[in-house]
Amino acid sequence: MIQYQTLTEMLDHRSRGTGAIGYLEGEGAEKSLPLAKLRRRALGILHQLQRIGAGPGDMLILHVASNEQFIDAYWACLYGGIVPVPVAVGISDEHKQKLLRIAKQLGNPLLYTDRKLRERLATFASTQGEPEAWTALKPRTFLVDQLDDISREGVPARITADQTAFIQFSSGSTSEPKGVVLTHGNILANAEGSKQAALFTEQDTSLSWMPLTHDMGLIGFHLMMMYAGVRQYLMPTDLFVRRALLWLKYAAEKQVTITCSPNFGYRHFLRAYESKGLEGADLSTIRLIFNGAEPISVELAEEFLDRMATHGLRRTAMFPVYGLAEASLAVAFPPPGSTFKYIT
């Protein structure tokens, strides 16, 4: 049975307990944010968004690099009935082009970003194309740098299960980006199905370095973990890219039971592992490593498991999954605790 009608009802309930999000920003740089504080911050940001005229049904492009700033703003939108549209921050022109194309498609959205990213977008739009898209977006931009006071709470909107929780855009690198509209009910139904299939419990601890603009990052390792009452840790994607070994160092340190990575991650991690190793790391607490988001390489999965066996990682931890944005996220899981099988 689905536990909540809406995502905001879920956070209301979870914020009354001891739940928190752990933000891991580097060695010795860690922050724990209680869910009660997340809720207060979200309502404080909502007040500021309502001051600039944002209201239920408005669309807001969420374009920030920090996990913490992203999650604060995401929940602010949900409480206000504003529809968040996450768009990845990237260094390539393609990322900026994609954002402007999405803005055009959405009609008249708001943009939530920081000063530096706004300047980059403005420069790109004036020199590389889409100046009219930027002209329309510029006056509707809210800078996270301007958030000086979030002590006053905004007025939560009345939310129902069939209201849009967010629009998830495909990568759209070769064609027009395609938006998948997900309701509160869609995500909660998928969260309940996933909880049953993966046997998530409040004794679990999760860790993810996946971007929050990706469904595995946002739905799989933030919303679904909150739904099941799992203790969650988030690590910035660019930190994993720079220092891949921190992923499993953190997993050992926090006694993580659930984590995730697509092919790219195993390959990247093993390259760093070759040269530096992972001395003293005990990975025996990990029961599931979600492996999806790309075609799964059996060879790579086998190599990773072989190398990590010396650190106590069980072969049954590799959890090949299938999903797609149109289904919220999860479609097919194997039985937890089984060794993965493959056919040729």
Protein backbone atom coordinates (compact mmCIF):
# COMPACT_ATOMS: atom_id res chain seq x y z
CA MET A 1 0.00 0.00 0.00
CA ILE A 2 1.34 3.46 -0.94
CA GLN A 3 2.07 5.33 2.28
CA TYR A 4 1.48 8.93 1.14
CA GLN A 5 -0.72 10.88 -1.26
CA THR A 6 1.94 13.46 -2.15
CA LEU A 7 5.68 13.98 -1.82
CA THR A 8 5.13 16.98 0.46
CA GLU A 9 3.03 14.82 2.77
CA MET A 10 5.99 12.40 2.79
CA LEU A 11 8.48 15.10 3.85
CA ASP A 12 6.00 16.47 6.43
CA HIS A 13 5.85 13.01 8.00
CA ARG A 14 9.56 12.16 7.70
CA SER A 15 10.60 15.57 9.09
CA ARG A 16 8.94 14.68 12.39
CA GLY A 17 11.46 11.86 12.89
CA THR A 18 15.24 11.78 13.14
CA GLY A 19 15.91 11.46 9.38
CA ALA A 20 18.66 13.53 7.77
CA ILE A 21 20.59 13.88 4.52
CA GLY A 22 24.36 13.57 4.73
CA TYR A 23 26.18 15.78 2.21
CA LEU A 24 29.70 14.46 1.59
CA GLU A 25 31.76 17.19 -0.06
CA GLY A 26 35.29 15.76 0.34
CA GLU A 27 37.50 14.29 3.03
CA GLY A 28 36.70 16.04 6.29
CA ALA A 29 33.95 18.06 4.59
CA GLU A 30 30.68 16.57 5.68
CA LYS A 31 27.35 18.06 6.65
CA SER A 32 24.21 16.46 8.03
CA LEU A 33 20.92 18.23 7.33
CA PRO A 34 17.96 17.02 9.42
CA LEU A 35 14.79 16.61 7.34
CA ALA A 36 12.99 19.01 9.73
CA LYS A 37 15.50 21.70 8.71
CA LEU A 38 15.17 20.81 5.02
CA ARG A 39 11.42 21.37 5.29
CA ARG A 40 11.87 24.77 7.00
CA ARG A 41 14.44 25.86 4.42
CA ALA A 42 12.21 24.79 1.54
CA LEU A 43 9.33 26.85 2.93
CA GLY A 44 11.67 29.83 3.44
CA ILE A 45 12.82 29.65 -0.20
CA LEU A 46 9.18 29.29 -1.27
CA HIS A 47 8.44 32.63 0.44
CA GLN A 48 11.14 34.28 -1.74
CA LEU A 49 9.83 32.60 -4.91
CA GLN A 50 6.28 33.74 -4.09
CA ARG A 51 7.62 37.29 -3.58
CA ILE A 52 8.77 37.35 -7.22
CA GLY A 53 5.36 36.11 -8.33
CA ALA A 54 5.92 32.35 -8.71
CA GLY A 55 2.75 30.37 -8.16
CA PRO A 56 1.11 26.96 -8.62
CA GLY A 57 1.54 25.58 -12.13
CA ASP A 58 4.51 27.84 -12.99
CA MET A 59 7.51 25.99 -14.34
CA LEU A 60 10.95 26.60 -12.89
CA ILE A 61 14.18 25.43 -14.52
CA LEU A 62 16.41 24.22 -11.71
CA HIS A 63 20.03 24.79 -12.73
CA VAL A 64 22.48 24.68 -9.81
CA ALA A 65 25.67 22.68 -9.29
CA SER A 66 25.37 22.10 -5.52
CA ASN A 67 23.38 19.06 -4.31
CA GLU A 68 22.25 20.93 -1.23
CA GLN A 69 21.04 24.00 -3.14
CA PHE A 70 19.28 21.74 -5.64
CA ILE A 71 17.38 19.77 -2.99
CA ASP A 72 16.39 22.91 -1.03
CA ALA A 73 14.94 24.50 -4.19
CA TYR A 74 13.34 21.28 -5.43
CA TRP A 75 11.29 20.95 -2.24
CA ALA A 76 10.47 24.68 -2.23
CA CYS A 77 8.88 24.17 -5.64
CA LEU A 78 6.92 21.09 -4.52
CA TYR A 79 5.46 22.90 -1.52
CA GLY A 80 4.37 25.81 -3.71
CA GLY A 81 2.88 23.68 -6.50
CA ILE A 82 5.61 25.11 -8.77
CA VAL A 83 6.86 22.55 -11.30
CA PRO A 84 10.64 22.05 -11.09
CA VAL A 85 12.44 21.17 -14.34
CA PRO A 86 15.96 19.94 -13.46
CA VAL A 87 18.59 20.70 -16.11
CA ALA A 88 22.18 19.51 -15.70
CA VAL A 89 25.01 21.98 -15.21
CA GLY A 90 27.79 21.12 -17.63
CA ILE A 91 30.82 22.86 -19.07
CA SER A 92 30.00 22.18 -22.72
CA ASP A 93 28.01 24.47 -25.00
CA GLU A 94 25.62 21.58 -25.57
CA HIS A 95 24.42 21.87 -21.97
CA LYS A 96 23.69 25.58 -22.37
CA GLN A 97 22.02 24.99 -25.74
CA LYS A 98 19.83 22.31 -24.16
CA LEU A 99 18.71 24.63 -21.35
CA LEU A 100 17.70 27.37 -23.79
CA ARG A 101 15.85 24.85 -25.98
CA ILE A 102 13.97 23.57 -22.94
CA ALA A 103 13.09 27.15 -21.92
CA LYS A 104 11.65 27.75 -25.39
CA GLN A 105 9.67 24.53 -25.22
CA LEU A 106 8.23 25.35 -21.79
CA GLY A 107 6.98 28.75 -22.94
CA ASN A 108 7.57 31.17 -20.08
CA PRO A 109 9.47 29.40 -17.30
CA LEU A 110 11.38 30.81 -14.33
CA LEU A 111 15.08 30.03 -13.92
CA TYR A 112 16.68 29.22 -10.55
CA THR A 113 20.47 29.41 -10.79
CA ASP A 114 23.53 31.21 -9.46
CA ARG A 115 25.30 34.35 -10.69
CA LYS A 116 28.21 32.54 -12.35
CA LEU A 117 25.97 30.15 -14.30
CA ARG A 118 23.69 33.03 -15.32
CA GLU A 119 26.65 34.94 -16.77
CA ARG A 120 27.80 31.89 -18.72
CA LEU A 121 24.31 31.43 -20.16
CA ALA A 122 24.04 35.08 -21.10
CA THR A 123 27.41 35.01 -22.89
CA PHE A 124 26.53 31.81 -24.72
CA ALA A 125 23.11 33.09 -25.81
CA SER A 126 24.49 36.35 -27.19
CA THR A 127 27.42 34.77 -29.06
CA GLN A 128 26.22 31.28 -30.06
CA GLY A 129 22.53 31.66 -30.76
CA GLU A 130 19.10 31.61 -29.05
CA PRO A 131 19.34 35.27 -27.93
CA GLU A 132 15.53 35.59 -27.92
CA ALA A 133 15.19 32.58 -25.57
CA TRP A 134 17.58 34.29 -23.14
CA THR A 135 15.81 37.66 -23.49
CA ALA A 136 12.59 35.99 -22.30
CA LEU A 137 14.31 34.06 -19.49
CA LYS A 138 16.56 36.78 -18.08
CA PRO A 139 13.89 38.83 -16.23
CA ARG A 140 12.42 35.60 -14.81
CA THR A 141 15.72 34.47 -13.26
CA PHE A 142 16.07 33.98 -9.50
CA LEU A 143 19.63 33.85 -8.16
CA VAL A 144 20.38 31.53 -5.26
CA ASP A 145 23.10 34.07 -4.27
CA GLN A 146 20.28 36.49 -3.37
CA LEU A 147 18.83 34.17 -0.73
CA ASP A 148 19.85 36.19 2.28
CA ASP A 149 16.81 35.58 4.51
CA ILE A 150 14.71 32.42 4.54
CA SER A 151 13.28 32.84 8.02
CA ARG A 152 9.78 33.68 6.74
CA GLU A 153 7.85 30.69 5.45
CA GLY A 154 5.93 30.74 2.20
CA VAL A 155 2.33 29.59 1.88
CA PRO A 156 2.14 25.93 0.85
CA ALA A 157 -0.24 25.21 -2.03
CA ARG A 158 -2.91 22.50 -1.89
CA ILE A 159 -1.28 19.51 -3.57
CA THR A 160 -2.99 16.39 -4.92
CA ALA A 161 -1.59 13.04 -6.08
CA ASP A 162 -2.29 13.79 -9.74
CA GLN A 163 -0.41 17.11 -9.75
CA THR A 164 2.91 17.34 -11.59
CA ALA A 165 5.88 16.80 -9.25
CA PHE A 166 8.45 17.59 -11.92
CA ILE A 167 9.33 17.31 -15.59
CA GLN A 168 12.21 14.99 -16.36
CA PHE A 169 14.04 15.76 -19.60
CA SER A 170 15.88 13.19 -21.68
CA SER A 171 19.48 13.90 -22.64
CA GLY A 172 18.29 15.45 -25.91
CA SER A 173 21.82 15.85 -27.27
CA THR A 174 20.91 14.93 -30.85
CA SER A 175 17.23 15.83 -31.04
CA GLU A 176 14.81 18.16 -29.32
CA PRO A 177 14.88 17.39 -25.57
CA LYS A 178 11.82 15.34 -24.56
CA GLY A 179 10.09 16.08 -21.28
CA VAL A 180 8.41 13.33 -19.25
CA VAL A 181 5.73 14.69 -16.91
CA LEU A 182 5.68 12.87 -13.56
CA THR A 183 3.00 13.30 -10.92
CA HIS A 184 3.34 12.88 -7.17
CA GLY A 185 1.28 9.68 -7.53
CA ASN A 186 3.59 8.30 -10.26
CA ILE A 187 6.71 8.71 -8.14
CA LEU A 188 5.15 7.39 -4.94
CA ALA A 189 3.76 4.29 -6.70
CA ASN A 190 7.21 3.61 -8.16
CA ALA A 191 8.79 4.17 -4.73
CA GLU A 192 6.45 1.64 -3.10
CA GLY A 193 7.11 -0.93 -5.86
CA SER A 194 10.87 -0.43 -5.53
CA LYS A 195 10.74 -0.70 -1.74
CA GLN A 196 8.96 -4.03 -2.02
CA ALA A 197 11.21 -5.36 -4.80
CA ALA A 198 14.55 -4.28 -3.28
CA LEU A 199 13.45 -4.85 0.34
CA PHE A 200 14.45 -1.35 1.49
CA THR A 201 14.08 -0.85 5.25
CA GLU A 202 14.89 1.82 7.81
CA GLN A 203 18.00 -0.21 8.71
CA ASP A 204 19.49 0.58 5.28
CA THR A 205 21.98 3.36 4.53
CA SER A 206 22.39 4.64 0.97
CA LEU A 207 25.14 6.52 -0.87
CA SER A 208 24.96 8.05 -4.34
CA TRP A 209 27.24 10.14 -6.54
CA MET A 210 24.74 10.22 -9.43
CA PRO A 211 23.63 13.71 -10.52
CA LEU A 212 20.31 14.89 -9.08
CA THR A 213 19.31 15.94 -12.60
CA HIS A 214 19.29 12.20 -13.46
CA ASP A 215 16.33 10.00 -12.43
CA MET A 216 18.60 7.50 -10.64
CA GLY A 217 20.06 10.35 -8.58
CA LEU A 218 16.90 12.28 -7.74
CA ILE A 219 14.19 9.62 -7.64
CA GLY A 220 16.24 6.51 -6.89
CA PHE A 221 18.65 7.82 -4.28
CA HIS A 222 16.80 10.77 -2.77
CA LEU A 223 13.01 10.43 -3.03
CA MET A 224 12.80 6.63 -2.84
CA MET A 225 15.25 6.54 0.06
CA MET A 226 13.21 9.13 1.96
CA TYR A 227 10.04 7.15 1.20
CA ALA A 228 11.52 3.98 2.74
CA GLY A 229 13.11 5.83 5.69
CA VAL A 230 16.63 4.95 4.54
CA ARG A 231 19.52 7.03 5.92
CA GLN A 232 20.89 8.78 2.81
CA TYR A 233 24.26 10.23 1.82
CA LEU A 234 24.87 12.28 -1.33
CA MET A 235 28.24 12.96 -2.92
CA PRO A 236 28.76 15.45 -5.78
CA THR A 237 29.26 13.83 -9.18
CA ASP A 238 32.30 15.99 -9.91
CA LEU A 239 33.91 14.83 -6.64
CA PHE A 240 33.51 11.22 -7.82
CA VAL A 241 35.00 12.19 -11.19
CA ARG A 242 38.02 13.81 -9.52
CA ARG A 243 38.46 11.33 -6.67
CA ALA A 244 36.71 8.08 -7.56
CA LEU A 245 38.09 6.12 -4.59
CA LEU A 246 36.15 8.31 -2.16
CA TRP A 247 32.94 6.58 -3.33
CA LEU A 248 33.81 3.24 -1.69
CA LYS A 249 35.89 4.83 1.09
CA TYR A 250 32.70 6.61 2.17
CA ALA A 251 30.70 3.39 1.68
CA ALA A 252 33.03 1.59 4.11
CA GLU A 253 33.14 4.47 6.59
CA LYS A 254 29.34 4.97 6.69
CA GLN A 255 28.58 1.22 6.55
CA VAL A 256 26.49 1.76 3.46
CA THR A 257 24.11 -1.02 2.41
CA ILE A 258 22.83 0.43 -0.89
CA THR A 259 24.71 2.31 -3.61
CA CYS A 260 24.74 2.60 -7.39
CA SER A 261 26.83 3.07 -10.50
CA PRO A 262 26.48 2.68 -14.26
CA ASN A 263 29.32 1.17 -16.37
CA PHE A 264 31.23 4.43 -16.56
CA GLY A 265 31.60 4.48 -12.77
CA TYR A 266 33.10 1.00 -12.42
CA ARG A 267 35.60 1.65 -15.20
CA HIS A 268 36.56 5.03 -13.75
CA PHE A 269 36.83 3.63 -10.20
CA LEU A 270 38.97 0.64 -11.26
CA ARG A 271 41.45 2.93 -13.04
CA ALA A 272 42.00 4.88 -9.81
CA TYR A 273 42.07 1.64 -7.79
CA GLU A 274 44.86 0.22 -9.99
CA SER A 275 47.25 2.95 -8.92
CA LYS A 276 46.20 3.65 -5.32
CA GLY A 277 44.22 0.72 -3.92
CA LEU A 278 41.67 0.98 -1.11
CA GLU A 279 43.59 0.02 1.99
CA GLY A 280 41.58 -1.12 4.98
CA ALA A 281 38.16 -0.58 3.37
CA ASP A 282 35.55 -3.12 4.49
CA LEU A 283 32.70 -3.34 1.96
CA SER A 284 30.90 -6.28 3.57
CA THR A 285 27.89 -4.15 4.62
CA ILE A 286 26.91 -3.43 0.99
CA ARG A 287 23.95 -5.58 -0.01
CA LEU A 288 22.94 -3.88 -3.30
CA ILE A 289 24.82 -1.90 -5.94
CA PHE A 290 22.24 -0.74 -8.46
CA ASN A 291 23.73 -1.12 -11.95
CA GLY A 292 21.72 0.50 -14.71
CA ALA A 293 21.43 3.75 -16.72
CA GLU A 294 23.60 2.31 -19.53
CA PRO A 295 23.77 -1.12 -21.22
CA ILE A 296 25.30 -3.31 -18.49
CA SER A 297 28.73 -4.78 -19.20
CA VAL A 298 28.97 -8.29 -17.72
CA GLU A 299 32.77 -8.23 -18.15
CA LEU A 300 33.09 -4.99 -16.19
CA ALA A 301 30.71 -6.14 -13.46
CA GLU A 302 32.72 -9.37 -13.08
CA GLU A 303 36.04 -7.49 -12.95
CA PHE A 304 34.72 -5.06 -10.34
CA LEU A 305 33.36 -7.88 -8.15
CA ASP A 306 36.62 -9.85 -8.46
CA ARG A 307 38.73 -6.86 -7.41
CA MET A 308 36.43 -5.80 -4.56
CA ALA A 309 36.07 -9.35 -3.16
CA THR A 310 39.33 -8.72 -1.24
CA HIS A 311 37.46 -5.93 0.60
CA GLY A 312 34.57 -8.22 1.55
CA LEU A 313 32.14 -7.19 -1.21
CA ARG A 314 29.72 -10.05 -1.86
CA ARG A 315 29.06 -11.26 -5.41
CA THR A 316 25.33 -11.02 -4.70
CA ALA A 317 25.66 -7.23 -4.23
CA MET A 318 25.69 -6.53 -7.99
CA PHE A 319 22.07 -5.59 -8.78
CA PRO A 320 21.42 -5.16 -12.52
CA VAL A 321 18.25 -3.12 -13.02
CA TYR A 322 16.22 -1.74 -15.89
CA GLY A 323 14.24 1.45 -15.91
CA LEU A 324 13.26 4.47 -17.97
CA ALA A 325 12.09 8.03 -17.38
CA GLU A 326 8.60 7.31 -18.72
CA ALA A 327 8.06 4.84 -15.86
CA SER A 328 9.29 7.41 -13.25
CA LEU A 329 12.40 5.25 -12.87
CA ALA A 330 12.25 1.55 -11.95
CA VAL A 331 10.82 -1.21 -14.15
CA ALA A 332 12.64 -4.48 -13.45
CA PHE A 333 14.75 -5.70 -10.52
CA PRO A 334 16.20 -9.18 -9.92
CA PRO A 335 15.57 -10.91 -6.56
CA PRO A 336 17.85 -9.23 -3.96
CA GLY A 337 20.64 -11.48 -2.70
CA SER A 338 20.94 -13.49 -5.91
CA THR A 339 24.02 -13.79 -8.14
CA PHE A 340 23.38 -12.00 -11.42
CA LYS A 341 22.72 -14.11 -14.51
CA TYR A 342 23.13 -13.23 -18.17
CA ILE A 343 22.34 -14.76 -21.54
CA THR A 344 24.19 -14.33 -24.82
